[in-house]
PDB file of all heavy atoms in Angstrom:
ATOM      1  N   TYR A   1      -4.301  19.566  -0.055  1.00  0.00           N
ATOM      2  CA  TYR A   1      -5.016  18.421  -0.617  1.00  0.00           C
ATOM      3  C   TYR A   1      -4.666  18.336  -2.097  1.00  0.00           C
ATOM      4  O   TYR A   1      -4.170  19.296  -2.702  1.00  0.00           O
ATOM      5  CB  TYR A   1      -6.530  18.565  -0.438  1.00  0.00           C
ATOM      6  CG  TYR A   1      -7.123  19.797  -1.087  1.00  0.00           C
ATOM      7  CD1 TYR A   1      -7.506  19.792  -2.425  1.00  0.00           C
ATOM      8  CD2 TYR A   1      -7.286  20.979  -0.368  1.00  0.00           C
ATOM      9  CE1 TYR A   1      -8.033  20.924  -3.033  1.00  0.00           C
ATOM     10  CE2 TYR A   1      -7.804  22.114  -0.963  1.00  0.00           C
ATOM     11  CZ  TYR A   1      -8.180  22.086  -2.294  1.00  0.00           C
ATOM     12  OH  TYR A   1      -8.694  23.215  -2.888  1.00  0.00           O
ATOM     13  N   HIS A   2      -4.913  17.202  -2.687  1.00  0.00           N
ATOM     14  CA  HIS A   2      -4.680  17.012  -4.116  1.00  0.00           C
ATOM     15  C   HIS A   2      -5.971  16.532  -4.762  1.00  0.00           C
ATOM     16  O   HIS A   2      -6.679  15.681  -4.201  1.00  0.00           O
ATOM     17  CB  HIS A   2      -3.578  15.991  -4.358  1.00  0.00           C
ATOM     18  CG  HIS A   2      -2.275  16.315  -3.703  1.00  0.00           C
ATOM     19  ND1 HIS A   2      -1.583  17.483  -3.951  1.00  0.00           N
ATOM     20  CD2 HIS A   2      -1.539  15.644  -2.766  1.00  0.00           C
ATOM     21  CE1 HIS A   2      -0.474  17.507  -3.229  1.00  0.00           C
ATOM     22  NE2 HIS A   2      -0.424  16.404  -2.496  1.00  0.00           N
ATOM     23  N   VAL A   3      -6.284  17.075  -5.932  1.00  0.00           N
ATOM     24  CA  VAL A   3      -7.472  16.655  -6.675  1.00  0.00           C
ATOM     25  C   VAL A   3      -7.015  16.030  -7.992  1.00  0.00           C
ATOM     26  O   VAL A   3      -6.367  16.690  -8.807  1.00  0.00           O
ATOM     27  CB  VAL A   3      -8.424  17.830  -6.945  1.00  0.00           C
ATOM     28  CG1 VAL A   3      -9.628  17.358  -7.765  1.00  0.00           C
ATOM     29  CG2 VAL A   3      -8.894  18.448  -5.631  1.00  0.00           C
ATOM     30  N   GLU A   4      -7.356  14.779  -8.162  1.00  0.00           N
ATOM     31  CA  GLU A   4      -6.890  14.031  -9.326  1.00  0.00           C
ATOM     32  C   GLU A   4      -7.317  14.705 -10.632  1.00  0.00           C
ATOM     33  O   GLU A   4      -8.492  15.018 -10.840  1.00  0.00           O
ATOM     34  CB  GLU A   4      -7.446  12.605  -9.265  1.00  0.00           C
ATOM     35  CG  GLU A   4      -6.854  11.667 -10.306  1.00  0.00           C
ATOM     36  CD  GLU A   4      -7.164  10.217  -9.996  1.00  0.00           C
ATOM     37  OE1 GLU A   4      -8.373   9.860  -9.989  1.00  0.00           O
ATOM     38  OE2 GLU A   4      -6.224   9.445  -9.731  1.00  0.00           O
ATOM     39  N   GLY A   5      -6.316  14.943 -11.504  1.00  0.00           N
ATOM     40  CA  GLY A   5      -6.578  15.520 -12.809  1.00  0.00           C
ATOM     41  C   GLY A   5      -6.819  17.009 -12.811  1.00  0.00           C
ATOM     42  O   GLY A   5      -7.090  17.591 -13.870  1.00  0.00           O
ATOM     43  N   VAL A   6      -6.710  17.662 -11.632  1.00  0.00           N
ATOM     44  CA  VAL A   6      -7.071  19.079 -11.542  1.00  0.00           C
ATOM     45  C   VAL A   6      -5.941  19.938 -10.973  1.00  0.00           C
ATOM     46  O   VAL A   6      -5.508  20.906 -11.612  1.00  0.00           O
ATOM     47  CB  VAL A   6      -8.346  19.269 -10.691  1.00  0.00           C
ATOM     48  CG1 VAL A   6      -8.692  20.763 -10.578  1.00  0.00           C
ATOM     49  CG2 VAL A   6      -9.514  18.493 -11.285  1.00  0.00           C
ATOM     50  N   THR A   7      -5.473  19.616  -9.784  1.00  0.00           N
ATOM     51  CA  THR A   7      -4.475  20.467  -9.127  1.00  0.00           C
ATOM     52  C   THR A   7      -3.061  20.095  -9.593  1.00  0.00           C
ATOM     53  O   THR A   7      -2.836  19.004 -10.129  1.00  0.00           O
ATOM     54  CB  THR A   7      -4.598  20.376  -7.593  1.00  0.00           C
ATOM     55  OG1 THR A   7      -4.514  19.003  -7.177  1.00  0.00           O
ATOM     56  CG2 THR A   7      -5.932  20.962  -7.134  1.00  0.00           C
ATOM     57  N   PRO A   8      -2.073  20.979  -9.394  1.00  0.00           N
ATOM     58  CA  PRO A   8      -0.778  20.840 -10.075  1.00  0.00           C
ATOM     59  C   PRO A   8      -0.027  19.533  -9.849  1.00  0.00           C
ATOM     60  O   PRO A   8       0.405  18.894 -10.817  1.00  0.00           O
ATOM     61  CB  PRO A   8       0.022  22.030  -9.529  1.00  0.00           C
ATOM     62  CG  PRO A   8      -0.992  23.029  -9.130  1.00  0.00           C
ATOM     63  CD  PRO A   8      -2.162  22.238  -8.635  1.00  0.00           C
ATOM     64  N   GLU A   9       0.146  19.122  -8.606  1.00  0.00           N
ATOM     65  CA  GLU A   9       1.012  17.966  -8.344  1.00  0.00           C
ATOM     66  C   GLU A   9       0.454  16.641  -8.852  1.00  0.00           C
ATOM     67  O   GLU A   9       1.178  15.857  -9.476  1.00  0.00           O
ATOM     68  CB  GLU A   9       1.372  17.922  -6.863  1.00  0.00           C
ATOM     69  CG  GLU A   9       2.393  19.010  -6.529  1.00  0.00           C
ATOM     70  CD  GLU A   9       2.481  19.331  -5.057  1.00  0.00           C
ATOM     71  OE1 GLU A   9       1.544  19.955  -4.519  1.00  0.00           O
ATOM     72  OE2 GLU A   9       3.496  18.968  -4.427  1.00  0.00           O
ATOM     73  N   PRO A  10      -0.836  16.353  -8.644  1.00  0.00           N
ATOM     74  CA  PRO A  10      -1.351  15.108  -9.217  1.00  0.00           C
ATOM     75  C   PRO A  10      -1.446  15.151 -10.744  1.00  0.00           C
ATOM     76  O   PRO A  10      -1.410  14.097 -11.393  1.00  0.00           O
ATOM     77  CB  PRO A  10      -2.736  14.952  -8.583  1.00  0.00           C
ATOM     78  CG  PRO A  10      -3.095  16.298  -8.094  1.00  0.00           C
ATOM     79  CD  PRO A  10      -1.814  16.967  -7.724  1.00  0.00           C
ATOM     80  N   LYS A  11      -1.567  16.343 -11.315  1.00  0.00           N
ATOM     81  CA  LYS A  11      -1.562  16.418 -12.784  1.00  0.00           C
ATOM     82  C   LYS A  11      -0.201  15.992 -13.331  1.00  0.00           C
ATOM     83  O   LYS A  11      -0.104  15.435 -14.429  1.00  0.00           O
ATOM     84  CB  LYS A  11      -1.893  17.838 -13.249  1.00  0.00           C
ATOM     85  CG  LYS A  11      -3.351  18.212 -13.059  1.00  0.00           C
ATOM     86  CD  LYS A  11      -3.675  19.572 -13.631  1.00  0.00           C
ATOM     87  CE  LYS A  11      -3.788  19.517 -15.137  1.00  0.00           C
ATOM     88  NZ  LYS A  11      -4.328  20.764 -15.704  1.00  0.00           N
ATOM     89  N   GLU A  12       0.837  16.235 -12.549  1.00  0.00           N
ATOM     90  CA  GLU A  12       2.186  15.872 -12.966  1.00  0.00           C
ATOM     91  C   GLU A  12       2.550  14.444 -12.562  1.00  0.00           C
ATOM     92  O   GLU A  12       3.150  13.694 -13.342  1.00  0.00           O
ATOM     93  CB  GLU A  12       3.194  16.849 -12.351  1.00  0.00           C
ATOM     94  CG  GLU A  12       4.638  16.529 -12.676  1.00  0.00           C
ATOM     95  CD  GLU A  12       5.623  17.423 -11.937  1.00  0.00           C
ATOM     96  OE1 GLU A  12       5.183  18.429 -11.335  1.00  0.00           O
ATOM     97  OE2 GLU A  12       6.822  17.110 -11.952  1.00  0.00           O
ATOM     98  N   LYS A  13       2.172  14.051 -11.347  1.00  0.00           N
ATOM     99  CA  LYS A  13       2.642  12.785 -10.796  1.00  0.00           C
ATOM    100  C   LYS A  13       1.550  11.743 -10.595  1.00  0.00           C
ATOM    101  O   LYS A  13       1.845  10.593 -10.242  1.00  0.00           O
ATOM    102  CB  LYS A  13       3.346  13.041  -9.458  1.00  0.00           C
ATOM    103  CG  LYS A  13       4.545  13.984  -9.579  1.00  0.00           C
ATOM    104  CD  LYS A  13       5.140  14.283  -8.219  1.00  0.00           C
ATOM    105  CE  LYS A  13       6.300  15.281  -8.336  1.00  0.00           C
ATOM    106  NZ  LYS A  13       6.847  15.643  -7.014  1.00  0.00           N
ATOM    107  N   GLY A  14       0.294  12.119 -10.787  1.00  0.00           N
ATOM    108  CA  GLY A  14      -0.805  11.175 -10.629  1.00  0.00           C
ATOM    109  C   GLY A  14      -0.852  10.565  -9.240  1.00  0.00           C
ATOM    110  O   GLY A  14      -0.586  11.238  -8.237  1.00  0.00           O
ATOM    111  N   ARG A  15      -1.141   9.276  -9.172  1.00  0.00           N
ATOM    112  CA  ARG A  15      -1.294   8.620  -7.873  1.00  0.00           C
ATOM    113  C   ARG A  15       0.032   8.269  -7.213  1.00  0.00           C
ATOM    114  O   ARG A  15       0.034   7.665  -6.135  1.00  0.00           O
ATOM    115  CB  ARG A  15      -2.194   7.392  -8.009  1.00  0.00           C
ATOM    116  CG  ARG A  15      -3.612   7.770  -8.410  1.00  0.00           C
ATOM    117  CD  ARG A  15      -4.637   6.720  -8.099  1.00  0.00           C
ATOM    118  NE  ARG A  15      -5.983   7.202  -8.399  1.00  0.00           N
ATOM    119  CZ  ARG A  15      -7.108   6.559  -8.086  1.00  0.00           C
ATOM    120  NH1 ARG A  15      -7.039   5.391  -7.450  1.00  0.00           N
ATOM    121  NH2 ARG A  15      -8.281   7.072  -8.397  1.00  0.00           N
ATOM    122  N   ASP A  16       1.124   8.694  -7.834  1.00  0.00           N
ATOM    123  CA  ASP A  16       2.413   8.620  -7.137  1.00  0.00           C
ATOM    124  C   ASP A  16       2.439   9.579  -5.956  1.00  0.00           C
ATOM    125  O   ASP A  16       3.341   9.493  -5.107  1.00  0.00           O
ATOM    126  CB  ASP A  16       3.561   8.950  -8.093  1.00  0.00           C
ATOM    127  CG  ASP A  16       3.839   7.813  -9.073  1.00  0.00           C
ATOM    128  OD1 ASP A  16       3.356   6.688  -8.821  1.00  0.00           O
ATOM    129  OD2 ASP A  16       4.528   8.059 -10.085  1.00  0.00           O
ATOM    130  N   MET A  17       1.458  10.486  -5.894  1.00  0.00           N
ATOM    131  CA  MET A  17       1.353  11.399  -4.755  1.00  0.00           C
ATOM    132  C   MET A  17       0.785  10.705  -3.523  1.00  0.00           C
ATOM    133  O   MET A  17       0.730  11.303  -2.449  1.00  0.00           O
ATOM    134  CB  MET A  17       0.472  12.606  -5.117  1.00  0.00           C
ATOM    135  CG  MET A  17       1.078  13.550  -6.137  1.00  0.00           C
ATOM    136  SD  MET A  17       2.682  14.227  -5.625  1.00  0.00           S
ATOM    137  CE  MET A  17       2.251  15.085  -4.109  1.00  0.00           C
ATOM    138  N   LEU A  18       0.374   9.466  -3.670  1.00  0.00           N
ATOM    139  CA  LEU A  18      -0.109   8.691  -2.519  1.00  0.00           C
ATOM    140  C   LEU A  18       1.041   7.903  -1.894  1.00  0.00           C
ATOM    141  O   LEU A  18       1.885   7.360  -2.601  1.00  0.00           O
ATOM    142  CB  LEU A  18      -1.203   7.716  -2.960  1.00  0.00           C
ATOM    143  CG  LEU A  18      -2.575   8.317  -3.261  1.00  0.00           C
ATOM    144  CD1 LEU A  18      -3.373   7.387  -4.167  1.00  0.00           C
ATOM    145  CD2 LEU A  18      -3.339   8.574  -1.961  1.00  0.00           C
ATOM    146  N   VAL A  19       1.065   7.856  -0.568  1.00  0.00           N
ATOM    147  CA  VAL A  19       2.091   7.075   0.124  1.00  0.00           C
ATOM    148  C   VAL A  19       1.750   5.593   0.007  1.00  0.00           C
ATOM    149  O   VAL A  19       0.614   5.212  -0.295  1.00  0.00           O
ATOM    150  CB  VAL A  19       2.189   7.458   1.622  1.00  0.00           C
ATOM    151  CG1 VAL A  19       2.547   8.917   1.788  1.00  0.00           C
ATOM    152  CG2 VAL A  19       0.888   7.121   2.354  1.00  0.00           C
ATOM    153  N   GLU A  20       2.749   4.783   0.246  1.00  0.00           N
ATOM    154  CA  GLU A  20       2.489   3.345   0.315  1.00  0.00           C
ATOM    155  C   GLU A  20       1.576   3.060   1.499  1.00  0.00           C
ATOM    156  O   GLU A  20       1.718   3.640   2.563  1.00  0.00           O
ATOM    157  CB  GLU A  20       3.805   2.576   0.503  1.00  0.00           C
ATOM    158  CG  GLU A  20       4.436   2.127  -0.786  1.00  0.00           C
ATOM    159  CD  GLU A  20       5.626   1.216  -0.537  1.00  0.00           C
ATOM    160  OE1 GLU A  20       5.437   0.178   0.137  1.00  0.00           O
ATOM    161  OE2 GLU A  20       6.715   1.568  -0.994  1.00  0.00           O
ATOM    162  N   GLY A  21       0.633   2.169   1.296  1.00  0.00           N
ATOM    163  CA  GLY A  21      -0.255   1.802   2.394  1.00  0.00           C
ATOM    164  C   GLY A  21      -1.297   2.851   2.712  1.00  0.00           C
ATOM    165  O   GLY A  21      -1.806   2.893   3.845  1.00  0.00           O
ATOM    166  N   PHE A  22      -1.636   3.706   1.757  1.00  0.00           N
ATOM    167  CA  PHE A  22      -2.638   4.744   1.993  1.00  0.00           C
ATOM    168  C   PHE A  22      -3.985   4.118   2.358  1.00  0.00           C
ATOM    169  O   PHE A  22      -4.276   2.966   2.015  1.00  0.00           O
ATOM    170  CB  PHE A  22      -2.789   5.629   0.754  1.00  0.00           C
ATOM    171  CG  PHE A  22      -3.309   4.925  -0.468  1.00  0.00           C
ATOM    172  CD1 PHE A  22      -4.680   4.750  -0.681  1.00  0.00           C
ATOM    173  CD2 PHE A  22      -2.436   4.415  -1.420  1.00  0.00           C
ATOM    174  CE1 PHE A  22      -5.165   4.093  -1.801  1.00  0.00           C
ATOM    175  CE2 PHE A  22      -2.909   3.759  -2.547  1.00  0.00           C
ATOM    176  CZ  PHE A  22      -4.272   3.590  -2.737  1.00  0.00           C
ATOM    177  N   GLN A  23      -4.802   4.905   3.051  1.00  0.00           N
ATOM    178  CA  GLN A  23      -6.141   4.458   3.419  1.00  0.00           C
ATOM    179  C   GLN A  23      -7.157   5.042   2.437  1.00  0.00           C
ATOM    180  O   GLN A  23      -6.921   6.103   1.844  1.00  0.00           O
ATOM    181  CB  GLN A  23      -6.482   4.895   4.841  1.00  0.00           C
ATOM    182  CG  GLN A  23      -5.536   4.349   5.888  1.00  0.00           C
ATOM    183  CD  GLN A  23      -5.934   4.778   7.281  1.00  0.00           C
ATOM    184  OE1 GLN A  23      -6.935   4.325   7.830  1.00  0.00           O
ATOM    185  NE2 GLN A  23      -5.147   5.669   7.862  1.00  0.00           N
ATOM    186  N   THR A  24      -8.284   4.386   2.281  1.00  0.00           N
ATOM    187  CA  THR A  24      -9.325   4.837   1.369  1.00  0.00           C
ATOM    188  C   THR A  24     -10.593   5.183   2.141  1.00  0.00           C
ATOM    189  O   THR A  24     -11.000   4.457   3.050  1.00  0.00           O
ATOM    190  CB  THR A  24      -9.653   3.751   0.324  1.00  0.00           C
ATOM    191  OG1 THR A  24      -8.480   3.474  -0.447  1.00  0.00           O
ATOM    192  CG2 THR A  24     -10.763   4.219  -0.617  1.00  0.00           C
ATOM    193  N   TYR A  25     -11.183   6.308   1.778  1.00  0.00           N
ATOM    194  CA  TYR A  25     -12.441   6.752   2.377  1.00  0.00           C
ATOM    195  C   TYR A  25     -13.426   6.995   1.239  1.00  0.00           C
ATOM    196  O   TYR A  25     -13.175   7.820   0.360  1.00  0.00           O
ATOM    197  CB  TYR A  25     -12.203   8.028   3.179  1.00  0.00           C
ATOM    198  CG  TYR A  25     -13.449   8.734   3.669  1.00  0.00           C
ATOM    199  CD1 TYR A  25     -14.321   8.119   4.550  1.00  0.00           C
ATOM    200  CD2 TYR A  25     -13.732  10.040   3.263  1.00  0.00           C
ATOM    201  CE1 TYR A  25     -15.449   8.776   5.013  1.00  0.00           C
ATOM    202  CE2 TYR A  25     -14.851  10.715   3.729  1.00  0.00           C
ATOM    203  CZ  TYR A  25     -15.716  10.073   4.601  1.00  0.00           C
ATOM    204  OH  TYR A  25     -16.834  10.722   5.054  1.00  0.00           O
ATOM    205  N   VAL A  26     -14.515   6.253   1.219  1.00  0.00           N
ATOM    206  CA  VAL A  26     -15.516   6.377   0.162  1.00  0.00           C
ATOM    207  C   VAL A  26     -16.574   7.390   0.586  1.00  0.00           C
ATOM    208  O   VAL A  26     -17.189   7.272   1.652  1.00  0.00           O
ATOM    209  CB  VAL A  26     -16.177   5.019  -0.141  1.00  0.00           C
ATOM    210  CG1 VAL A  26     -17.283   5.187  -1.188  1.00  0.00           C
ATOM    211  CG2 VAL A  26     -15.132   4.015  -0.631  1.00  0.00           C
ATOM    212  N   TYR A  27     -16.764   8.379  -0.290  1.00  0.00           N
ATOM    213  CA  TYR A  27     -17.766   9.419  -0.043  1.00  0.00           C
ATOM    214  C   TYR A  27     -18.861   9.261  -1.088  1.00  0.00           C
ATOM    215  O   TYR A  27     -18.681   9.592  -2.259  1.00  0.00           O
ATOM    216  CB  TYR A  27     -17.110  10.798  -0.146  1.00  0.00           C
ATOM    217  CG  TYR A  27     -18.032  11.959   0.157  1.00  0.00           C
ATOM    218  CD1 TYR A  27     -18.240  12.389   1.462  1.00  0.00           C
ATOM    219  CD2 TYR A  27     -18.692  12.633  -0.873  1.00  0.00           C
ATOM    220  CE1 TYR A  27     -19.085  13.460   1.739  1.00  0.00           C
ATOM    221  CE2 TYR A  27     -19.530  13.703  -0.610  1.00  0.00           C
ATOM    222  CZ  TYR A  27     -19.727  14.115   0.696  1.00  0.00           C
ATOM    223  OH  TYR A  27     -20.559  15.179   0.967  1.00  0.00           O
ATOM    224  N   ASP A  28     -19.999   8.721  -0.661  1.00  0.00           N
ATOM    225  CA  ASP A  28     -21.111   8.507  -1.571  1.00  0.00           C
ATOM    226  C   ASP A  28     -22.327   9.291  -1.084  1.00  0.00           C
ATOM    227  O   ASP A  28     -22.226  10.107  -0.159  1.00  0.00           O
ATOM    228  CB  ASP A  28     -21.422   7.017  -1.707  1.00  0.00           C
ATOM    229  CG  ASP A  28     -21.662   6.341  -0.358  1.00  0.00           C
ATOM    230  OD1 ASP A  28     -21.907   7.054   0.651  1.00  0.00           O
ATOM    231  OD2 ASP A  28     -21.603   5.093  -0.300  1.00  0.00           O
ATOM    232  N   ASP A  29     -23.478   9.058  -1.696  1.00  0.00           N
ATOM    233  CA  ASP A  29     -24.686   9.803  -1.330  1.00  0.00           C
ATOM    234  C   ASP A  29     -25.041   9.609   0.143  1.00  0.00           C
ATOM    235  O   ASP A  29     -25.432  10.556   0.834  1.00  0.00           O
ATOM    236  CB  ASP A  29     -25.866   9.368  -2.204  1.00  0.00           C
ATOM    237  CG  ASP A  29     -25.686   9.769  -3.661  1.00  0.00           C
ATOM    238  OD1 ASP A  29     -24.888  10.686  -3.934  1.00  0.00           O
ATOM    239  OD2 ASP A  29     -26.359   9.164  -4.522  1.00  0.00           O
ATOM    240  N   ALA A  30     -24.926   8.377   0.608  1.00  0.00           N
ATOM    241  CA  ALA A  30     -25.276   8.092   2.000  1.00  0.00           C
ATOM    242  C   ALA A  30     -24.333   8.796   2.962  1.00  0.00           C
ATOM    243  O   ALA A  30     -24.757   9.327   4.000  1.00  0.00           O
ATOM    244  CB  ALA A  30     -25.256   6.578   2.243  1.00  0.00           C
ATOM    245  N   GLU A  31     -23.047   8.820   2.617  1.00  0.00           N
ATOM    246  CA  GLU A  31     -22.075   9.482   3.487  1.00  0.00           C
ATOM    247  C   GLU A  31     -22.295  10.996   3.480  1.00  0.00           C
ATOM    248  O   GLU A  31     -22.166  11.649   4.513  1.00  0.00           O
ATOM    249  CB  GLU A  31     -20.654   9.129   3.034  1.00  0.00           C
ATOM    250  CG  GLU A  31     -19.552   9.668   3.928  1.00  0.00           C
ATOM    251  CD  GLU A  31     -19.532   9.053   5.321  1.00  0.00           C
ATOM    252  OE1 GLU A  31     -20.411   8.221   5.646  1.00  0.00           O
ATOM    253  OE2 GLU A  31     -18.645   9.421   6.102  1.00  0.00           O
ATOM    254  N   GLU A  32     -22.626  11.550   2.331  1.00  0.00           N
ATOM    255  CA  GLU A  32     -22.917  12.982   2.277  1.00  0.00           C
ATOM    256  C   GLU A  32     -24.108  13.333   3.164  1.00  0.00           C
ATOM    257  O   GLU A  32     -24.060  14.317   3.925  1.00  0.00           O
ATOM    258  CB  GLU A  32     -23.194  13.418   0.839  1.00  0.00           C
ATOM    259  CG  GLU A  32     -23.558  14.890   0.721  1.00  0.00           C
ATOM    260  CD  GLU A  32     -23.450  15.410  -0.697  1.00  0.00           C
ATOM    261  OE1 GLU A  32     -22.313  15.589  -1.178  1.00  0.00           O
ATOM    262  OE2 GLU A  32     -24.507  15.633  -1.334  1.00  0.00           O
ATOM    263  N   GLN A  33     -25.139  12.527   3.089  1.00  0.00           N
ATOM    264  CA  GLN A  33     -26.312  12.803   3.919  1.00  0.00           C
ATOM    265  C   GLN A  33     -25.975  12.652   5.399  1.00  0.00           C
ATOM    266  O   GLN A  33     -26.485  13.415   6.243  1.00  0.00           O
ATOM    267  CB  GLN A  33     -27.459  11.866   3.543  1.00  0.00           C
ATOM    268  CG  GLN A  33     -28.794  12.253   4.173  1.00  0.00           C
ATOM    269  CD  GLN A  33     -29.222  13.659   3.803  1.00  0.00           C
ATOM    270  OE1 GLN A  33     -29.266  14.015   2.627  1.00  0.00           O
ATOM    271  NE2 GLN A  33     -29.521  14.481   4.801  1.00  0.00           N
ATOM    272  N   ARG A  34     -25.137  11.676   5.723  1.00  0.00           N
ATOM    273  CA  ARG A  34     -24.743  11.495   7.122  1.00  0.00           C
ATOM    274  C   ARG A  34     -24.047  12.742   7.648  1.00  0.00           C
ATOM    275  O   ARG A  34     -24.314  13.192   8.777  1.00  0.00           O
ATOM    276  CB  ARG A  34     -23.810  10.287   7.268  1.00  0.00           C
ATOM    277  CG  ARG A  34     -23.458   9.958   8.714  1.00  0.00           C
ATOM    278  CD  ARG A  34     -22.400   8.888   8.802  1.00  0.00           C
ATOM    279  NE  ARG A  34     -21.089   9.371   8.380  1.00  0.00           N
ATOM    280  CZ  ARG A  34     -20.273  10.097   9.171  1.00  0.00           C
ATOM    281  NH1 ARG A  34     -20.642  10.413  10.395  1.00  0.00           N
ATOM    282  NH2 ARG A  34     -19.092  10.475   8.724  1.00  0.00           N
ATOM    283  N   ILE A  35     -23.168  13.336   6.840  1.00  0.00           N
ATOM    284  CA  ILE A  35     -22.472  14.556   7.249  1.00  0.00           C
ATOM    285  C   ILE A  35     -23.462  15.697   7.420  1.00  0.00           C
ATOM    286  O   ILE A  35     -23.459  16.409   8.436  1.00  0.00           O
ATOM    287  CB  ILE A  35     -21.393  14.932   6.212  1.00  0.00           C
ATOM    288  CG1 ILE A  35     -20.276  13.891   6.197  1.00  0.00           C
ATOM    289  CG2 ILE A  35     -20.833  16.330   6.507  1.00  0.00           C
ATOM    290  CD1 ILE A  35     -19.460  13.816   7.455  1.00  0.00           C
ATOM    291  N   LEU A  36     -24.340  15.879   6.440  1.00  0.00           N
ATOM    292  CA  LEU A  36     -25.314  16.973   6.521  1.00  0.00           C
ATOM    293  C   LEU A  36     -26.218  16.830   7.742  1.00  0.00           C
ATOM    294  O   LEU A  36     -26.606  17.821   8.367  1.00  0.00           O
ATOM    295  CB  LEU A  36     -26.158  17.017   5.245  1.00  0.00           C
ATOM    296  CG  LEU A  36     -25.427  17.447   3.964  1.00  0.00           C
ATOM    297  CD1 LEU A  36     -26.296  17.216   2.742  1.00  0.00           C
ATOM    298  CD2 LEU A  36     -25.001  18.905   4.051  1.00  0.00           C
ATOM    299  N   ASP A  37     -26.526  15.605   8.103  1.00  0.00           N
ATOM    300  CA  ASP A  37     -27.394  15.367   9.262  1.00  0.00           C
ATOM    301  C   ASP A  37     -26.722  15.729  10.584  1.00  0.00           C
ATOM    302  O   ASP A  37     -27.408  15.896  11.605  1.00  0.00           O
ATOM    303  CB  ASP A  37     -27.828  13.895   9.302  1.00  0.00           C
ATOM    304  CG  ASP A  37     -28.838  13.554   8.211  1.00  0.00           C
ATOM    305  OD1 ASP A  37     -29.418  14.489   7.624  1.00  0.00           O
ATOM    306  OD2 ASP A  37     -29.024  12.347   7.942  1.00  0.00           O
ATOM    307  N   THR A  38     -25.399  15.822  10.592  1.00  0.00           N
ATOM    308  CA  THR A  38     -24.708  16.204  11.834  1.00  0.00           C
ATOM    309  C   THR A  38     -24.710  17.713  12.043  1.00  0.00           C
ATOM    310  O   THR A  38     -24.322  18.177  13.117  1.00  0.00           O
ATOM    311  CB  THR A  38     -23.248  15.715  11.821  1.00  0.00           C
ATOM    312  OG1 THR A  38     -22.507  16.414  10.800  1.00  0.00           O
ATOM    313  CG2 THR A  38     -23.162  14.226  11.590  1.00  0.00           C
ATOM    314  N   TRP A  39     -25.110  18.466  11.023  1.00  0.00           N
ATOM    315  CA  TRP A  39     -25.098  19.930  11.137  1.00  0.00           C
ATOM    316  C   TRP A  39     -26.396  20.394  11.781  1.00  0.00           C
ATOM    317  O   TRP A  39     -27.387  20.679  11.112  1.00  0.00           O
ATOM    318  CB  TRP A  39     -24.891  20.563   9.769  1.00  0.00           C
ATOM    319  CG  TRP A  39     -23.498  20.329   9.247  1.00  0.00           C
ATOM    320  CD1 TRP A  39     -22.469  19.736   9.915  1.00  0.00           C
ATOM    321  CD2 TRP A  39     -22.981  20.677   7.964  1.00  0.00           C
ATOM    322  NE1 TRP A  39     -21.342  19.688   9.127  1.00  0.00           N
ATOM    323  CE2 TRP A  39     -21.627  20.268   7.920  1.00  0.00           C
ATOM    324  CE3 TRP A  39     -23.520  21.292   6.837  1.00  0.00           C
ATOM    325  CZ2 TRP A  39     -20.815  20.460   6.806  1.00  0.00           C
ATOM    326  CZ3 TRP A  39     -22.721  21.478   5.729  1.00  0.00           C
ATOM    327  CH2 TRP A  39     -21.385  21.081   5.711  1.00  0.00           C
ATOM    328  N   GLN A  40     -26.368  20.478  13.070  1.00  0.00           N
ATOM    329  CA  GLN A  40     -27.559  20.754  13.860  1.00  0.00           C
ATOM    330  C   GLN A  40     -27.974  22.223  13.765  1.00  0.00           C
ATOM    331  O   GLN A  40     -27.184  23.103  13.440  1.00  0.00           O
ATOM    332  CB  GLN A  40     -27.302  20.391  15.322  1.00  0.00           C
ATOM    333  CG  GLN A  40     -26.909  18.951  15.557  1.00  0.00           C
ATOM    334  CD  GLN A  40     -26.478  18.692  16.988  1.00  0.00           C
ATOM    335  OE1 GLN A  40     -26.505  19.582  17.829  1.00  0.00           O
ATOM    336  NE2 GLN A  40     -26.079  17.472  17.268  1.00  0.00           N
ATOM    337  N   ASN A  41     -29.225  22.457  14.084  1.00  0.00           N
ATOM    338  CA  ASN A  41     -29.753  23.814  14.224  1.00  0.00           C
ATOM    339  C   ASN A  41     -29.323  24.339  15.587  1.00  0.00           C
ATOM    340  O   ASN A  41     -29.789  23.860  16.623  1.00  0.00           O
ATOM    341  CB  ASN A  41     -31.274  23.773  14.100  1.00  0.00           C
ATOM    342  CG  ASN A  41     -31.910  25.146  14.274  1.00  0.00           C
ATOM    343  OD1 ASN A  41     -31.237  26.133  14.571  1.00  0.00           O
ATOM    344  ND2 ASN A  41     -33.219  25.212  14.092  1.00  0.00           N
ATOM    345  N   LEU A  42     -28.421  25.304  15.604  1.00  0.00           N
ATOM    346  CA  LEU A  42     -27.881  25.830  16.858  1.00  0.00           C
ATOM    347  C   LEU A  42     -28.470  27.183  17.240  1.00  0.00           C
ATOM    348  O   LEU A  42     -27.985  27.833  18.161  1.00  0.00           O
ATOM    349  CB  LEU A  42     -26.347  25.934  16.759  1.00  0.00           C
ATOM    350  CG  LEU A  42     -25.608  24.617  16.529  1.00  0.00           C
ATOM    351  CD1 LEU A  42     -24.109  24.863  16.376  1.00  0.00           C
ATOM    352  CD2 LEU A  42     -25.865  23.642  17.668  1.00  0.00           C
ATOM    353  N   TRP A  43     -29.507  27.611  16.544  1.00  0.00           N
ATOM    354  CA  TRP A  43     -30.162  28.854  16.940  1.00  0.00           C
ATOM    355  C   TRP A  43     -30.789  28.673  18.322  1.00  0.00           C
ATOM    356  O   TRP A  43     -31.406  27.633  18.602  1.00  0.00           O
ATOM    357  CB  TRP A  43     -31.283  29.208  15.973  1.00  0.00           C
ATOM    358  CG  TRP A  43     -30.837  29.622  14.603  1.00  0.00           C
ATOM    359  CD1 TRP A  43     -29.574  29.926  14.200  1.00  0.00           C
ATOM    360  CD2 TRP A  43     -31.692  29.773  13.456  1.00  0.00           C
ATOM    361  NE1 TRP A  43     -29.579  30.255  12.866  1.00  0.00           N
ATOM    362  CE2 TRP A  43     -30.861  30.174  12.384  1.00  0.00           C
ATOM    363  CE3 TRP A  43     -33.052  29.609  13.227  1.00  0.00           C
ATOM    364  CZ2 TRP A  43     -31.365  30.425  11.105  1.00  0.00           C
ATOM    365  CZ3 TRP A  43     -33.566  29.854  11.960  1.00  0.00           C
ATOM    366  CH2 TRP A  43     -32.727  30.263  10.918  1.00  0.00           C
ATOM    367  N   PRO A  44     -30.657  29.651  19.208  1.00  0.00           N
ATOM    368  CA  PRO A  44     -31.344  29.560  20.505  1.00  0.00           C
ATOM    369  C   PRO A  44     -32.851  29.396  20.340  1.00  0.00           C
ATOM    370  O   PRO A  44     -33.486  28.630  21.052  1.00  0.00           O
ATOM    371  CB  PRO A  44     -30.982  30.886  21.178  1.00  0.00           C
ATOM    372  CG  PRO A  44     -29.674  31.280  20.562  1.00  0.00           C
ATOM    373  CD  PRO A  44     -29.780  30.825  19.140  1.00  0.00           C
TER     374      PRO A  44
END
């Protein structure tokens, strides 16, 4: 993975590390809660 402004390749090349036609996924508060809500209690 690449982290903008942090990991080596994007620090050198920026968003040139993205392919043409890349897709975007927005991770906001609601999406974070949605993920956390999928983590069920699996204790017997």
